[in-house]
Amino acid sequence: MPINTNSNSGKPSKPSASASSPKKAGNKYAKGETGNANGRPKGSRNWATRISQQLIEGDAEEIILALIKKAKGGHFPAQKFLVERFLPPMRSRPISIGLPSIETPADIAKAIDQIWSAVGVGEITLDEAQQLLGLLDAKRRAISTADLAAEIEQIKEHMEIEK
């Protein structure tokens, strides 16, 4: 199959130098001037992509079948390639463990104990526990922030009463 290397890549022709646009030494274009005002045409493909598509155009099915055969024969790079291309990436799964309602720092300590118990019996993985602990830490920071705001308000009220 002949490979067509002639490309109509949409490259604009070089602009002619004009007396009205001063050029800096060593630069093709003056500041603020572009050689391709419209940018790359939509749908255009680079040269390497066009060549590769022409090379495998008629042989794609044969190439894929050979790759599958190698993978079945134990060729690790072929197996890896097929798995990465055809299996969706793993996503987190919903987990269900009983956690207490969290209103105080003491509730967070109870929740942490329950999370570690769930890890210990294999209900959740360490990664899942780490994510849950991150959520609990965010809740702890929110509780602390709310407590500090309440204390600041009490101090302000106390200072106004003393005046």
N, C-alpha and C. Protein backbone atom coordinates (compact mmCIF):
# COMPACT_ATOMS: atom_id res chain seq x y z
N MET A 1 0.85 -1.17 0.00
CA MET A 1 0.00 0.00 0.00
C MET A 1 0.90 1.23 0.00
N PRO A 2 0.73 2.13 -0.96
CA PRO A 2 1.57 3.33 -1.00
C PRO A 2 1.20 4.27 0.13
N ILE A 3 2.21 4.92 0.64
CA ILE A 3 1.99 5.87 1.72
C ILE A 3 1.99 7.27 1.14
N ASN A 4 0.95 7.99 1.43
CA ASN A 4 0.83 9.36 0.94
C ASN A 4 1.48 10.30 1.93
N THR A 5 2.66 10.80 1.57
CA THR A 5 3.34 11.72 2.47
C THR A 5 3.06 13.17 2.12
N ASN A 6 2.39 13.39 1.01
CA ASN A 6 2.00 14.76 0.68
C ASN A 6 0.85 15.14 1.59
N SER A 7 1.04 16.19 2.30
CA SER A 7 -0.03 16.54 3.23
C SER A 7 -0.54 17.92 2.93
N ASN A 8 -1.81 18.04 3.07
CA ASN A 8 -2.43 19.34 2.99
C ASN A 8 -2.71 19.74 4.42
N SER A 9 -1.66 20.05 5.14
CA SER A 9 -1.78 20.26 6.58
C SER A 9 -2.36 21.61 6.93
N GLY A 10 -2.64 22.41 5.93
CA GLY A 10 -3.24 23.70 6.23
C GLY A 10 -2.24 24.71 6.74
N LYS A 11 -0.94 24.49 6.45
CA LYS A 11 0.05 25.44 6.90
C LYS A 11 -0.09 26.71 6.07
N PRO A 12 -0.15 27.85 6.72
CA PRO A 12 -0.28 29.08 5.95
C PRO A 12 1.04 29.43 5.28
N SER A 13 0.95 30.15 4.19
CA SER A 13 2.17 30.58 3.54
C SER A 13 2.80 31.68 4.38
N LYS A 14 4.10 31.86 4.21
CA LYS A 14 4.81 32.86 5.00
C LYS A 14 4.33 34.24 4.59
N PRO A 15 4.06 35.10 5.59
CA PRO A 15 3.61 36.44 5.25
C PRO A 15 4.75 37.24 4.64
N SER A 16 4.39 38.11 3.76
CA SER A 16 5.42 38.94 3.14
C SER A 16 5.78 40.06 4.08
N ALA A 17 7.02 40.45 4.03
CA ALA A 17 7.48 41.53 4.90
C ALA A 17 6.93 42.84 4.36
N SER A 18 6.44 43.64 5.25
CA SER A 18 5.93 44.94 4.83
C SER A 18 6.65 46.02 5.60
N ALA A 19 6.67 47.18 5.03
CA ALA A 19 7.37 48.29 5.67
C ALA A 19 6.64 48.77 6.91
N SER A 20 5.33 48.46 7.00
CA SER A 20 4.56 48.96 8.13
C SER A 20 4.71 48.10 9.38
N SER A 21 5.26 46.89 9.28
CA SER A 21 5.42 46.05 10.47
C SER A 21 6.90 45.85 10.76
N PRO A 22 7.40 46.57 11.74
CA PRO A 22 8.83 46.45 12.05
C PRO A 22 9.14 45.10 12.68
N LYS A 23 10.24 44.49 12.27
CA LYS A 23 10.65 43.20 12.82
C LYS A 23 11.82 43.42 13.75
N LYS A 24 11.87 42.58 14.78
CA LYS A 24 13.03 42.58 15.66
C LYS A 24 14.10 41.72 15.01
N ALA A 25 15.32 41.98 15.31
CA ALA A 25 16.41 41.20 14.76
C ALA A 25 16.29 39.74 15.19
N GLY A 26 16.30 38.79 14.26
CA GLY A 26 16.26 37.38 14.58
C GLY A 26 14.86 36.81 14.70
N ASN A 27 13.82 37.63 14.69
CA ASN A 27 12.45 37.14 14.79
C ASN A 27 11.77 37.25 13.44
N LYS A 28 10.91 36.26 13.13
CA LYS A 28 10.17 36.28 11.88
C LYS A 28 9.09 37.36 11.88
N TYR A 29 8.44 37.50 13.04
CA TYR A 29 7.28 38.37 13.10
C TYR A 29 7.47 39.45 14.15
N ALA A 30 6.82 40.56 13.93
CA ALA A 30 6.86 41.65 14.90
C ALA A 30 6.03 41.25 16.12
N LYS A 31 6.25 41.92 17.24
CA LYS A 31 5.52 41.61 18.47
C LYS A 31 4.02 41.76 18.22
N GLY A 32 3.27 40.75 18.65
CA GLY A 32 1.81 40.77 18.48
C GLY A 32 1.35 40.27 17.13
N GLU A 33 2.25 39.94 16.22
CA GLU A 33 1.91 39.43 14.90
C GLU A 33 2.11 37.93 14.90
N THR A 34 1.21 37.19 14.26
CA THR A 34 1.32 35.74 14.23
C THR A 34 1.40 35.26 12.79
N GLY A 35 2.03 34.13 12.61
CA GLY A 35 2.12 33.55 11.28
C GLY A 35 0.90 32.72 10.93
N ASN A 36 0.05 32.41 11.93
CA ASN A 36 -1.13 31.59 11.68
C ASN A 36 -2.27 32.11 12.54
N ALA A 37 -2.88 33.15 12.06
CA ALA A 37 -3.93 33.81 12.84
C ALA A 37 -5.13 32.91 13.11
N ASN A 38 -5.43 31.97 12.22
CA ASN A 38 -6.60 31.12 12.40
C ASN A 38 -6.30 29.87 13.23
N GLY A 39 -5.05 29.58 13.51
CA GLY A 39 -4.70 28.39 14.27
C GLY A 39 -4.75 27.14 13.40
N ARG A 40 -4.57 25.99 14.04
CA ARG A 40 -4.60 24.72 13.32
C ARG A 40 -6.03 24.41 12.91
N PRO A 41 -6.25 23.96 11.68
CA PRO A 41 -7.62 23.67 11.23
C PRO A 41 -8.25 22.56 12.05
N LYS A 42 -9.54 22.68 12.32
CA LYS A 42 -10.25 21.65 13.07
C LYS A 42 -10.23 20.34 12.28
N GLY A 43 -10.01 19.25 13.03
CA GLY A 43 -10.01 17.93 12.41
C GLY A 43 -8.71 17.54 11.75
N SER A 44 -7.74 18.44 11.72
CA SER A 44 -6.47 18.08 11.09
C SER A 44 -5.69 17.15 12.01
N ARG A 45 -4.96 16.24 11.41
CA ARG A 45 -4.17 15.28 12.18
C ARG A 45 -2.71 15.50 11.87
N ASN A 46 -1.85 15.16 12.82
CA ASN A 46 -0.43 15.38 12.55
C ASN A 46 0.09 14.31 11.59
N TRP A 47 1.25 14.56 11.07
CA TRP A 47 1.84 13.73 10.04
C TRP A 47 2.01 12.29 10.51
N ALA A 48 2.53 12.08 11.71
CA ALA A 48 2.78 10.72 12.21
C ALA A 48 1.48 9.94 12.34
N THR A 49 0.42 10.59 12.78
CA THR A 49 -0.88 9.92 12.91
C THR A 49 -1.41 9.49 11.54
N ARG A 50 -1.29 10.36 10.55
CA ARG A 50 -1.78 10.01 9.21
C ARG A 50 -1.00 8.83 8.65
N ILE A 51 0.33 8.82 8.83
CA ILE A 51 1.15 7.73 8.31
C ILE A 51 0.79 6.41 9.00
N SER A 52 0.67 6.43 10.36
CA SER A 52 0.34 5.19 11.07
C SER A 52 -1.01 4.65 10.66
N GLN A 53 -1.97 5.53 10.47
CA GLN A 53 -3.30 5.06 10.06
C GLN A 53 -3.26 4.43 8.68
N GLN A 54 -2.47 5.00 7.77
CA GLN A 54 -2.35 4.41 6.45
C GLN A 54 -1.66 3.05 6.50
N LEU A 55 -0.68 2.90 7.40
CA LEU A 55 0.05 1.64 7.50
C LEU A 55 -0.84 0.50 7.99
N ILE A 56 -1.71 0.77 8.96
CA ILE A 56 -2.51 -0.31 9.53
C ILE A 56 -3.93 -0.36 8.98
N GLU A 57 -4.24 0.55 8.06
CA GLU A 57 -5.61 0.64 7.55
C GLU A 57 -6.20 -0.70 7.15
N GLY A 58 -5.49 -1.46 6.32
CA GLY A 58 -6.03 -2.73 5.85
C GLY A 58 -5.70 -3.90 6.76
N ASP A 59 -4.77 -3.71 7.70
CA ASP A 59 -4.29 -4.82 8.51
C ASP A 59 -4.72 -4.74 9.98
N ALA A 60 -5.61 -3.85 10.33
CA ALA A 60 -5.97 -3.63 11.73
C ALA A 60 -6.49 -4.91 12.38
N GLU A 61 -7.38 -5.62 11.71
CA GLU A 61 -7.95 -6.83 12.29
C GLU A 61 -6.87 -7.89 12.52
N GLU A 62 -5.99 -8.05 11.54
CA GLU A 62 -4.91 -9.03 11.65
C GLU A 62 -3.96 -8.66 12.80
N ILE A 63 -3.66 -7.37 12.95
CA ILE A 63 -2.77 -6.91 14.02
C ILE A 63 -3.39 -7.18 15.39
N ILE A 64 -4.66 -6.88 15.53
CA ILE A 64 -5.34 -7.07 16.82
C ILE A 64 -5.42 -8.56 17.17
N LEU A 65 -5.72 -9.40 16.19
CA LEU A 65 -5.78 -10.84 16.45
C LEU A 65 -4.41 -11.38 16.85
N ALA A 66 -3.34 -10.88 16.22
CA ALA A 66 -1.99 -11.31 16.58
C ALA A 66 -1.65 -10.86 18.00
N LEU A 67 -2.08 -9.65 18.35
CA LEU A 67 -1.85 -9.14 19.70
C LEU A 67 -2.57 -9.99 20.74
N ILE A 68 -3.81 -10.37 20.44
CA ILE A 68 -4.58 -11.23 21.35
C ILE A 68 -3.92 -12.59 21.49
N LYS A 69 -3.42 -13.12 20.39
CA LYS A 69 -2.75 -14.43 20.42
C LYS A 69 -1.51 -14.37 21.30
N LYS A 70 -0.72 -13.28 21.16
CA LYS A 70 0.47 -13.13 22.01
C LYS A 70 0.08 -13.02 23.48
N ALA A 71 -0.97 -12.26 23.75
CA ALA A 71 -1.42 -12.08 25.14
C ALA A 71 -1.83 -13.42 25.73
N LYS A 72 -2.56 -14.22 24.97
CA LYS A 72 -2.98 -15.54 25.45
C LYS A 72 -1.78 -16.45 25.68
N GLY A 73 -0.71 -16.21 24.93
CA GLY A 73 0.50 -17.02 25.07
C GLY A 73 1.38 -16.58 26.23
N GLY A 74 0.96 -15.56 26.97
CA GLY A 74 1.70 -15.13 28.15
C GLY A 74 2.61 -13.94 27.93
N HIS A 75 2.54 -13.27 26.78
CA HIS A 75 3.37 -12.10 26.51
C HIS A 75 2.84 -10.92 27.33
N PHE A 76 3.58 -10.57 28.39
CA PHE A 76 3.09 -9.57 29.35
C PHE A 76 2.81 -8.21 28.72
N PRO A 77 3.69 -7.65 27.87
CA PRO A 77 3.37 -6.34 27.29
C PRO A 77 2.07 -6.36 26.48
N ALA A 78 1.80 -7.44 25.78
CA ALA A 78 0.55 -7.55 25.02
C ALA A 78 -0.64 -7.61 25.98
N GLN A 79 -0.50 -8.39 27.06
CA GLN A 79 -1.58 -8.48 28.05
C GLN A 79 -1.86 -7.11 28.65
N LYS A 80 -0.79 -6.42 29.03
CA LYS A 80 -0.94 -5.10 29.65
C LYS A 80 -1.62 -4.13 28.69
N PHE A 81 -1.19 -4.12 27.44
CA PHE A 81 -1.79 -3.23 26.45
C PHE A 81 -3.28 -3.49 26.31
N LEU A 82 -3.67 -4.75 26.18
CA LEU A 82 -5.08 -5.08 26.00
C LEU A 82 -5.91 -4.71 27.23
N VAL A 83 -5.38 -4.99 28.40
CA VAL A 83 -6.12 -4.66 29.63
C VAL A 83 -6.30 -3.15 29.75
N GLU A 84 -5.23 -2.40 29.49
CA GLU A 84 -5.32 -0.93 29.61
C GLU A 84 -6.28 -0.34 28.60
N ARG A 85 -6.38 -0.93 27.41
CA ARG A 85 -7.22 -0.37 26.36
C ARG A 85 -8.68 -0.82 26.43
N PHE A 86 -8.92 -2.03 26.92
CA PHE A 86 -10.27 -2.58 26.80
C PHE A 86 -11.03 -2.74 28.11
N LEU A 87 -10.36 -2.66 29.25
CA LEU A 87 -11.07 -2.75 30.52
C LEU A 87 -11.16 -1.37 31.15
N PRO A 88 -12.31 -1.00 31.66
CA PRO A 88 -12.42 0.32 32.27
C PRO A 88 -11.59 0.39 33.56
N PRO A 89 -11.10 1.57 33.91
CA PRO A 89 -10.33 1.69 35.15
C PRO A 89 -11.22 1.41 36.36
N MET A 90 -10.60 0.87 37.40
CA MET A 90 -11.34 0.56 38.62
C MET A 90 -11.80 1.85 39.28
N ARG A 91 -13.00 1.87 39.73
CA ARG A 91 -13.55 3.01 40.44
C ARG A 91 -13.80 2.58 41.89
N SER A 92 -13.93 3.57 42.74
CA SER A 92 -14.19 3.20 44.13
C SER A 92 -15.59 2.59 44.22
N ARG A 93 -15.74 1.71 45.16
CA ARG A 93 -17.02 1.03 45.33
C ARG A 93 -17.74 1.63 46.52
N PRO A 94 -19.04 1.56 46.52
CA PRO A 94 -19.75 2.04 47.71
C PRO A 94 -19.49 1.11 48.88
N ILE A 95 -19.28 1.67 50.04
CA ILE A 95 -19.07 0.84 51.23
C ILE A 95 -20.13 1.20 52.25
N SER A 96 -20.46 0.24 53.07
CA SER A 96 -21.49 0.46 54.07
C SER A 96 -21.00 -0.08 55.41
N ILE A 97 -20.61 0.85 56.27
CA ILE A 97 -20.28 0.47 57.65
C ILE A 97 -21.02 1.44 58.55
N GLY A 98 -21.44 0.96 59.68
CA GLY A 98 -22.21 1.80 60.59
C GLY A 98 -21.31 2.76 61.35
N LEU A 99 -21.49 4.05 61.11
CA LEU A 99 -20.76 5.07 61.84
C LEU A 99 -21.75 5.89 62.65
N PRO A 100 -21.32 6.36 63.81
CA PRO A 100 -22.23 7.17 64.62
C PRO A 100 -22.43 8.55 63.99
N SER A 101 -23.49 9.21 64.38
CA SER A 101 -23.70 10.59 63.98
C SER A 101 -22.57 11.40 64.62
N ILE A 102 -21.95 12.26 63.87
CA ILE A 102 -20.77 12.96 64.38
C ILE A 102 -21.11 14.42 64.65
N GLU A 103 -21.14 14.75 65.94
CA GLU A 103 -21.43 16.11 66.37
C GLU A 103 -20.30 16.69 67.23
N THR A 104 -19.53 15.79 67.87
CA THR A 104 -18.46 16.24 68.77
C THR A 104 -17.18 15.48 68.45
N PRO A 105 -16.03 15.98 68.96
CA PRO A 105 -14.79 15.23 68.76
C PRO A 105 -14.84 13.81 69.35
N ALA A 106 -15.60 13.61 70.38
CA ALA A 106 -15.73 12.27 70.96
C ALA A 106 -16.40 11.31 69.97
N ASP A 107 -17.35 11.83 69.18
CA ASP A 107 -18.01 11.01 68.17
C ASP A 107 -17.01 10.59 67.09
N ILE A 108 -16.07 11.47 66.79
CA ILE A 108 -15.05 11.14 65.78
C ILE A 108 -14.19 9.99 66.27
N ALA A 109 -13.82 10.00 67.54
CA ALA A 109 -13.01 8.90 68.10
C ALA A 109 -13.77 7.58 67.98
N LYS A 110 -15.07 7.59 68.25
CA LYS A 110 -15.87 6.36 68.12
C LYS A 110 -15.90 5.88 66.66
N ALA A 111 -16.04 6.84 65.74
CA ALA A 111 -16.09 6.48 64.32
C ALA A 111 -14.77 5.87 63.87
N ILE A 112 -13.66 6.44 64.35
CA ILE A 112 -12.34 5.90 63.99
C ILE A 112 -12.21 4.46 64.48
N ASP A 113 -12.68 4.18 65.70
CA ASP A 113 -12.64 2.80 66.21
C ASP A 113 -13.44 1.86 65.32
N GLN A 114 -14.60 2.31 64.85
CA GLN A 114 -15.43 1.45 64.00
C GLN A 114 -14.77 1.23 62.64
N ILE A 115 -14.11 2.25 62.12
CA ILE A 115 -13.42 2.10 60.83
C ILE A 115 -12.31 1.07 60.97
N TRP A 116 -11.51 1.17 62.03
CA TRP A 116 -10.42 0.21 62.20
C TRP A 116 -10.93 -1.20 62.44
N SER A 117 -12.06 -1.31 63.12
CA SER A 117 -12.66 -2.64 63.30
C SER A 117 -13.08 -3.22 61.95
N ALA A 118 -13.65 -2.37 61.08
CA ALA A 118 -14.07 -2.83 59.75
C ALA A 118 -12.86 -3.27 58.92
N VAL A 119 -11.73 -2.58 59.06
CA VAL A 119 -10.52 -2.99 58.36
C VAL A 119 -10.05 -4.34 58.91
N GLY A 120 -10.10 -4.48 60.23
CA GLY A 120 -9.63 -5.70 60.87
C GLY A 120 -10.39 -6.94 60.45
N VAL A 121 -11.67 -6.82 60.17
CA VAL A 121 -12.45 -8.00 59.76
C VAL A 121 -12.59 -8.10 58.24
N GLY A 122 -11.95 -7.18 57.52
CA GLY A 122 -11.95 -7.27 56.06
C GLY A 122 -13.16 -6.69 55.38
N GLU A 123 -13.97 -5.90 56.09
CA GLU A 123 -15.14 -5.28 55.45
C GLU A 123 -14.72 -4.20 54.47
N ILE A 124 -13.65 -3.47 54.80
CA ILE A 124 -13.14 -2.41 53.93
C ILE A 124 -11.62 -2.55 53.83
N THR A 125 -11.06 -1.95 52.78
CA THR A 125 -9.61 -2.00 52.58
C THR A 125 -8.94 -0.85 53.33
N LEU A 126 -7.62 -0.91 53.41
CA LEU A 126 -6.88 0.18 54.04
C LEU A 126 -7.06 1.49 53.28
N ASP A 127 -7.10 1.41 51.95
CA ASP A 127 -7.32 2.63 51.15
C ASP A 127 -8.69 3.24 51.45
N GLU A 128 -9.69 2.40 51.56
CA GLU A 128 -11.03 2.90 51.88
C GLU A 128 -11.05 3.51 53.27
N ALA A 129 -10.36 2.87 54.22
CA ALA A 129 -10.28 3.41 55.58
C ALA A 129 -9.60 4.78 55.56
N GLN A 130 -8.54 4.90 54.77
CA GLN A 130 -7.82 6.17 54.68
C GLN A 130 -8.73 7.28 54.14
N GLN A 131 -9.54 6.96 53.15
CA GLN A 131 -10.47 7.94 52.61
C GLN A 131 -11.51 8.34 53.66
N LEU A 132 -12.03 7.36 54.39
CA LEU A 132 -12.99 7.67 55.45
C LEU A 132 -12.36 8.53 56.54
N LEU A 133 -11.12 8.21 56.91
CA LEU A 133 -10.43 8.99 57.93
C LEU A 133 -10.21 10.42 57.46
N GLY A 134 -9.97 10.60 56.16
CA GLY A 134 -9.86 11.95 55.61
C GLY A 134 -11.15 12.72 55.75
N LEU A 135 -12.28 12.04 55.52
CA LEU A 135 -13.59 12.69 55.70
C LEU A 135 -13.81 13.06 57.16
N LEU A 136 -13.42 12.15 58.05
CA LEU A 136 -13.57 12.44 59.48
C LEU A 136 -12.70 13.63 59.90
N ASP A 137 -11.51 13.73 59.32
CA ASP A 137 -10.63 14.85 59.64
C ASP A 137 -11.26 16.17 59.16
N ALA A 138 -11.88 16.15 58.00
CA ALA A 138 -12.57 17.34 57.51
C ALA A 138 -13.72 17.72 58.46
N LYS A 139 -14.44 16.72 58.94
CA LYS A 139 -15.52 16.97 59.88
C LYS A 139 -14.97 17.54 61.19
N ARG A 140 -13.83 17.00 61.65
CA ARG A 140 -13.20 17.50 62.87
C ARG A 140 -12.81 18.97 62.72
N ARG A 141 -12.25 19.33 61.56
CA ARG A 141 -11.87 20.72 61.33
C ARG A 141 -13.09 21.62 61.30
N ALA A 142 -14.18 21.13 60.72
CA ALA A 142 -15.41 21.92 60.68
C ALA A 142 -15.97 22.13 62.08
N ILE A 143 -15.94 21.09 62.91
CA ILE A 143 -16.42 21.22 64.29
C ILE A 143 -15.55 22.21 65.05
N SER A 144 -14.22 22.09 64.88
CA SER A 144 -13.30 23.01 65.57
C SER A 144 -13.53 24.44 65.14
N THR A 145 -13.74 24.66 63.86
CA THR A 145 -13.97 26.00 63.36
C THR A 145 -15.26 26.57 63.94
N ALA A 146 -16.31 25.76 63.97
CA ALA A 146 -17.58 26.22 64.54
C ALA A 146 -17.42 26.52 66.03
N ASP A 147 -16.69 25.67 66.76
CA ASP A 147 -16.46 25.92 68.19
C ASP A 147 -15.68 27.21 68.42
N LEU A 148 -14.64 27.44 67.61
CA LEU A 148 -13.86 28.67 67.76
C LEU A 148 -14.70 29.90 67.45
N ALA A 149 -15.53 29.81 66.42
CA ALA A 149 -16.40 30.95 66.08
C ALA A 149 -17.35 31.25 67.24
N ALA A 150 -17.88 30.20 67.87
CA ALA A 150 -18.78 30.40 69.01
C ALA A 150 -18.04 31.03 70.18
N GLU A 151 -16.80 30.60 70.43
CA GLU A 151 -16.01 31.17 71.52
C GLU A 151 -15.69 32.64 71.25
N ILE A 152 -15.38 32.97 70.01
CA ILE A 152 -15.09 34.36 69.66
C ILE A 152 -16.33 35.23 69.90
N GLU A 153 -17.47 34.73 69.53
CA GLU A 153 -18.72 35.48 69.76
C GLU A 153 -18.96 35.69 71.26
N GLN A 154 -18.70 34.66 72.07
CA GLN A 154 -18.86 34.80 73.52
C GLN A 154 -17.91 35.85 74.08
N ILE A 155 -16.67 35.85 73.59
CA ILE A 155 -15.70 36.83 74.05
C ILE A 155 -16.15 38.23 73.67
N LYS A 156 -16.64 38.39 72.45
CA LYS A 156 -17.13 39.71 72.01
C LYS A 156 -18.28 40.17 72.89
N GLU A 157 -19.23 39.28 73.18
CA GLU A 157 -20.37 39.63 74.02
C GLU A 157 -19.90 40.00 75.43
N HIS A 158 -18.95 39.24 75.96
CA HIS A 158 -18.42 39.52 77.30
C HIS A 158 -17.73 40.88 77.33
N MET A 159 -17.00 41.21 76.28
CA MET A 159 -16.30 42.51 76.22
C MET A 159 -17.31 43.66 76.13
N GLU A 160 -18.42 43.45 75.41
CA GLU A 160 -19.44 44.50 75.28
C GLU A 160 -20.15 44.71 76.62
N ILE A 161 -20.35 43.64 77.36
CA ILE A 161 -21.02 43.76 78.66
C ILE A 161 -20.15 44.55 79.64
N GLU A 162 -18.84 44.33 79.60
CA GLU A 162 -17.94 45.03 80.52
C GLU A 162 -17.82 46.50 80.21
N LYS A 163 -18.10 46.95 79.03
CA LYS A 163 -17.97 48.37 78.67
C LYS A 163 -19.02 49.20 79.24
